Amino acid sequence: MAHMVTTTARRRLTVPRSSLAVPALAVLGGGAFFVWKPGVAVSTFASPRAAGFVAAVGVLTLFIGWVLPRLGRGFAVTAAAQAIPVALVFIVTVLPSFRTVTVNDPLPGPVAAPIAGSVSPVPVPAPLAVSRGNLSGIHHRASGTAVLLQLADGSRVVRLEDLDVEPGPDYFVVAVPGADRQRPDGGTRLHHLRGNKGNQNYPVPADLMLMRPFTVLIWCRAFAVPVAAATLR
């Protein structure tokens, strides 16, 4: 009798085999994605937020596959419901990795004003490159140069030149005090990264005391992982 009770309890806790089809496909797809982008896999499992997100979606998918058949729902309904969180993961994590955006800004500078009584504009000095550093990927493919420019009106701009960084979700450009920083702690967010390729300008707030050395960090806010960094000395 006790054996029958134990067997019945196990059956109640077991996910039906038909409900494992969607999770199995998700695991195979995720494995293929990580093989294609091993750096993303390292970042995912090194980040508690990213790993927790993937684990939570996995548990939710299995729970759906356990509860719906017990409510009398068939395979089609169960599989469709399980596909919703899997699709969410795909949209948030995988789809941005296929999206390449190129943004090319001209060199920044004040607009020249015409001289009174003349059609000739006032000459404006070219931006001064105060410091520069090579951009290196952190578990992601990345290349390019980060340059701190001083403009004629006293404003400053961080310019990313020849940028080519592996695309992903929710990237931001952050200026962080100190060299070789891989976290945004104590830094100032300049703007979201407008494209993963090109030449881009990111104005520095006028009240920001930007002492060298400092790090220009490309940070994935969604999963709290570094993507690339350059130290400017």
Protein backbone atom coordinates (compact mmCIF):
# COMPACT_ATOMS: atom_id res chain seq x y z
CA MET A 1 0.00 0.00 0.00
CA ALA A 2 2.81 2.38 0.94
CA HIS A 3 4.54 1.54 -2.32
CA MET A 4 1.41 2.43 -4.30
CA VAL A 5 1.10 5.76 -2.47
CA THR A 6 4.75 6.57 -3.17
CA THR A 7 4.37 5.71 -6.86
CA THR A 8 1.22 7.84 -7.16
CA ALA A 9 2.98 10.78 -5.49
CA ARG A 10 5.91 10.49 -7.90
CA ARG A 11 3.56 10.49 -10.87
CA ARG A 12 1.90 13.63 -9.58
CA LEU A 13 5.27 15.37 -9.33
CA THR A 14 6.57 14.15 -12.69
CA VAL A 15 6.31 16.35 -15.76
CA PRO A 16 4.66 14.42 -18.63
CA ARG A 17 7.11 13.46 -21.36
CA SER A 18 5.11 15.33 -23.98
CA SER A 19 5.61 18.52 -21.95
CA LEU A 20 9.38 18.19 -22.25
CA ALA A 21 9.41 18.85 -26.00
CA VAL A 22 9.50 22.65 -25.78
CA PRO A 23 12.11 22.76 -22.94
CA ALA A 24 14.27 20.28 -24.89
CA LEU A 25 14.12 22.43 -28.03
CA ALA A 26 14.93 25.51 -25.94
CA VAL A 27 17.98 23.79 -24.42
CA LEU A 28 19.21 22.68 -27.85
CA GLY A 29 18.70 26.16 -29.28
CA GLY A 30 20.39 27.81 -26.30
CA GLY A 31 23.31 25.40 -26.53
CA ALA A 32 23.78 26.14 -30.21
CA PHE A 33 23.65 29.89 -29.48
CA PHE A 34 26.29 29.58 -26.74
CA VAL A 35 28.55 27.52 -29.02
CA TRP A 36 28.24 30.28 -31.62
CA LYS A 37 28.91 33.00 -29.01
CA PRO A 38 30.99 31.43 -26.21
CA GLY A 39 31.72 34.83 -24.67
CA VAL A 40 28.02 35.40 -24.13
CA ALA A 41 27.83 32.02 -22.38
CA VAL A 42 30.67 33.02 -20.02
CA SER A 43 28.98 36.34 -19.25
CA THR A 44 25.60 34.67 -18.70
CA PHE A 45 26.81 32.16 -16.16
CA ALA A 46 29.10 34.69 -14.48
CA SER A 47 26.18 37.07 -13.91
CA PRO A 48 23.74 36.15 -11.10
CA ARG A 49 21.07 38.28 -12.78
CA ALA A 50 21.44 36.59 -16.17
CA ALA A 51 21.75 33.08 -14.74
CA GLY A 52 18.76 33.72 -12.45
CA PHE A 53 16.68 34.96 -15.39
CA VAL A 54 17.45 31.84 -17.45
CA ALA A 55 16.81 29.54 -14.46
CA ALA A 56 13.51 31.26 -13.64
CA VAL A 57 12.28 30.88 -17.21
CA GLY A 58 13.30 27.22 -17.18
CA VAL A 59 11.40 26.55 -13.95
CA LEU A 60 8.35 28.43 -15.25
CA THR A 61 8.37 26.41 -18.49
CA LEU A 62 8.54 23.11 -16.60
CA PHE A 63 5.82 24.23 -14.19
CA ILE A 64 3.51 25.07 -17.10
CA GLY A 65 4.23 21.64 -18.56
CA TRP A 66 3.33 20.03 -15.23
CA VAL A 67 0.17 21.93 -14.32
CA LEU A 68 -1.70 22.29 -17.65
CA PRO A 69 -1.97 18.55 -18.41
CA ARG A 70 -3.39 18.06 -14.91
CA LEU A 71 -6.02 20.66 -15.73
CA GLY A 72 -7.03 18.65 -18.77
CA ARG A 73 -5.21 20.74 -21.37
CA GLY A 74 -3.83 18.94 -24.41
CA PHE A 75 -0.37 18.94 -25.90
CA ALA A 76 -1.03 21.85 -28.30
CA VAL A 77 -2.27 24.21 -25.57
CA THR A 78 0.52 23.18 -23.18
CA ALA A 79 3.24 23.61 -25.81
CA ALA A 80 1.88 27.01 -26.84
CA ALA A 81 1.86 28.19 -23.23
CA GLN A 82 5.40 26.92 -22.68
CA ALA A 83 6.57 28.69 -25.81
CA ILE A 84 5.64 32.10 -24.39
CA PRO A 85 8.47 32.36 -21.79
CA VAL A 86 10.88 30.73 -24.25
CA ALA A 87 9.97 33.37 -26.84
CA LEU A 88 10.52 36.06 -24.19
CA VAL A 89 14.07 34.82 -23.63
CA PHE A 90 14.67 34.77 -27.38
CA ILE A 91 13.41 38.35 -27.83
CA VAL A 92 15.37 39.74 -24.86
CA THR A 93 18.66 37.87 -25.17
CA VAL A 94 19.08 36.27 -28.59
CA LEU A 95 17.37 38.59 -31.07
CA PRO A 96 19.50 41.69 -30.20
CA SER A 97 22.61 39.62 -30.98
CA PHE A 98 21.56 39.56 -34.65
CA ARG A 99 20.81 43.29 -34.85
CA THR A 100 23.63 45.37 -36.31
CA VAL A 101 23.22 49.15 -36.16
CA THR A 102 25.77 51.55 -37.68
CA VAL A 103 25.84 55.18 -36.48
CA ASN A 104 28.33 57.67 -37.93
CA ASP A 105 28.48 61.09 -36.25
CA PRO A 106 30.66 63.88 -37.65
CA LEU A 107 33.41 65.30 -35.48
CA PRO A 108 31.72 67.48 -32.86
CA GLY A 109 32.24 71.23 -32.67
CA PRO A 110 30.39 74.52 -32.17
CA VAL A 111 28.61 75.93 -35.21
CA ALA A 112 30.59 78.78 -36.78
CA ALA A 113 28.87 82.17 -36.54
CA PRO A 114 29.20 84.78 -39.32
CA ILE A 115 31.25 87.91 -38.63
CA ALA A 116 29.15 91.08 -38.35
CA GLY A 117 28.92 92.72 -41.74
CA SER A 118 30.49 89.71 -43.46
CA VAL A 119 29.27 86.43 -44.92
CA SER A 120 32.46 84.68 -43.82
CA PRO A 121 32.10 82.52 -40.70
CA VAL A 122 34.28 82.88 -37.65
CA PRO A 123 37.00 80.19 -37.72
CA VAL A 124 36.36 77.55 -35.07
CA PRO A 125 39.27 75.53 -33.69
CA ALA A 126 39.12 71.80 -34.31
CA PRO A 127 38.35 69.56 -31.31
CA LEU A 128 41.43 68.72 -29.24
CA ALA A 129 42.03 65.04 -28.53
CA VAL A 130 42.94 65.11 -24.83
CA SER A 131 43.31 61.36 -24.41
CA ARG A 132 42.58 58.13 -26.20
CA GLY A 133 42.57 54.39 -25.52
CA ASN A 134 41.94 51.18 -27.42
CA LEU A 135 38.63 49.43 -26.84
CA SER A 136 38.91 45.78 -25.82
CA GLY A 137 36.12 43.25 -25.47
CA ILE A 138 35.26 41.59 -22.15
CA HIS A 139 33.94 38.12 -23.08
CA HIS A 140 32.59 39.83 -26.20
CA ARG A 141 34.14 40.72 -29.54
CA ALA A 142 34.97 44.43 -29.66
CA SER A 143 37.40 46.84 -31.29
CA GLY A 144 37.80 50.55 -31.82
CA THR A 145 39.12 53.62 -30.03
CA ALA A 146 37.68 55.81 -27.29
CA VAL A 147 38.76 59.46 -27.48
CA LEU A 148 38.15 62.31 -25.04
CA LEU A 149 37.67 65.50 -27.07
CA GLN A 150 37.87 69.06 -25.73
CA LEU A 151 35.80 71.47 -27.82
CA ALA A 152 36.44 75.15 -28.38
CA ASP A 153 33.55 76.15 -26.11
CA GLY A 154 35.00 74.13 -23.21
CA SER A 155 32.60 71.20 -23.46
CA ARG A 156 33.86 67.63 -23.66
CA VAL A 157 32.80 64.64 -25.70
CA VAL A 158 33.68 60.96 -25.55
CA ARG A 159 33.96 59.79 -29.15
CA LEU A 160 34.00 56.12 -30.12
CA GLU A 161 35.89 55.76 -33.39
CA ASP A 162 35.89 52.74 -35.72
CA LEU A 163 33.60 51.02 -33.23
CA ASP A 164 32.76 47.38 -33.86
CA VAL A 165 31.26 45.60 -30.85
CA GLU A 166 29.32 42.37 -30.66
CA PRO A 167 25.64 43.38 -30.53
CA GLY A 168 23.42 42.62 -27.56
CA PRO A 169 20.64 43.99 -25.38
CA ASP A 170 20.50 47.21 -23.37
CA TYR A 171 24.05 48.54 -23.83
CA PHE A 172 25.14 51.79 -22.17
CA VAL A 173 28.28 53.94 -22.36
CA VAL A 174 29.62 54.73 -18.88
CA ALA A 175 32.57 56.86 -17.76
CA VAL A 176 34.08 55.21 -14.68
CA PRO A 177 36.93 56.67 -12.57
CA GLY A 178 40.08 54.56 -12.59
CA ALA A 179 41.88 52.32 -15.05
CA ASP A 180 40.73 48.96 -16.41
CA ARG A 181 37.34 49.09 -14.73
CA GLN A 182 34.84 46.37 -15.57
CA ARG A 183 31.89 47.57 -13.48
CA PRO A 184 30.03 50.89 -13.56
CA ASP A 185 30.22 51.45 -9.78
CA GLY A 186 30.94 55.14 -9.12
CA GLY A 187 30.67 55.96 -12.80
CA THR A 188 28.43 58.24 -14.84
CA ARG A 189 26.16 56.93 -17.54
CA LEU A 190 26.65 59.04 -20.67
CA HIS A 191 23.97 57.50 -22.91
CA HIS A 192 22.72 54.23 -24.25
CA LEU A 193 24.95 52.86 -27.01
CA ARG A 194 23.22 54.07 -30.18
CA GLY A 195 24.84 51.52 -32.48
CA ASN A 196 27.32 48.69 -32.31
CA LYS A 197 29.31 50.01 -35.28
CA GLY A 198 30.53 53.37 -36.55
CA ASN A 199 31.82 56.65 -35.08
CA GLN A 200 29.72 58.07 -32.28
CA ASN A 201 29.77 61.11 -29.97
CA TYR A 202 28.67 61.01 -26.32
CA PRO A 203 28.67 64.43 -24.57
CA VAL A 204 30.16 64.57 -21.08
CA PRO A 205 28.02 66.42 -18.49
CA ALA A 206 29.47 69.87 -17.75
CA ASP A 207 29.48 69.25 -13.99
CA LEU A 208 31.29 65.90 -14.21
CA MET A 209 34.83 65.97 -12.78
CA LEU A 210 36.47 63.60 -15.24
CA MET A 211 39.95 62.90 -13.87
CA ARG A 212 42.38 60.65 -15.69
CA PRO A 213 42.83 57.78 -15.81
CA PHE A 214 39.23 56.77 -16.36
CA THR A 215 37.51 53.94 -18.17
CA VAL A 216 35.00 54.19 -20.98
CA LEU A 217 32.88 51.13 -20.31
CA ILE A 218 30.22 49.57 -22.51
CA TRP A 219 27.88 47.92 -20.02
CA CYS A 220 24.93 45.58 -20.54
CA ARG A 221 22.39 46.91 -18.04
CA ALA A 222 19.86 44.11 -18.59
CA PHE A 223 22.20 41.39 -17.35
CA ALA A 224 24.73 43.48 -15.41
CA VAL A 225 27.77 42.34 -17.39
CA PRO A 226 30.64 44.30 -19.01
CA VAL A 227 30.92 44.17 -22.79
CA ALA A 228 34.00 46.26 -23.63
CA ALA A 229 36.25 48.89 -22.07
CA ALA A 230 39.00 51.38 -22.86
CA THR A 231 41.28 53.14 -20.37
CA LEU A 232 42.05 56.80 -21.11
CA ARG A 233 45.17 58.10 -19.35
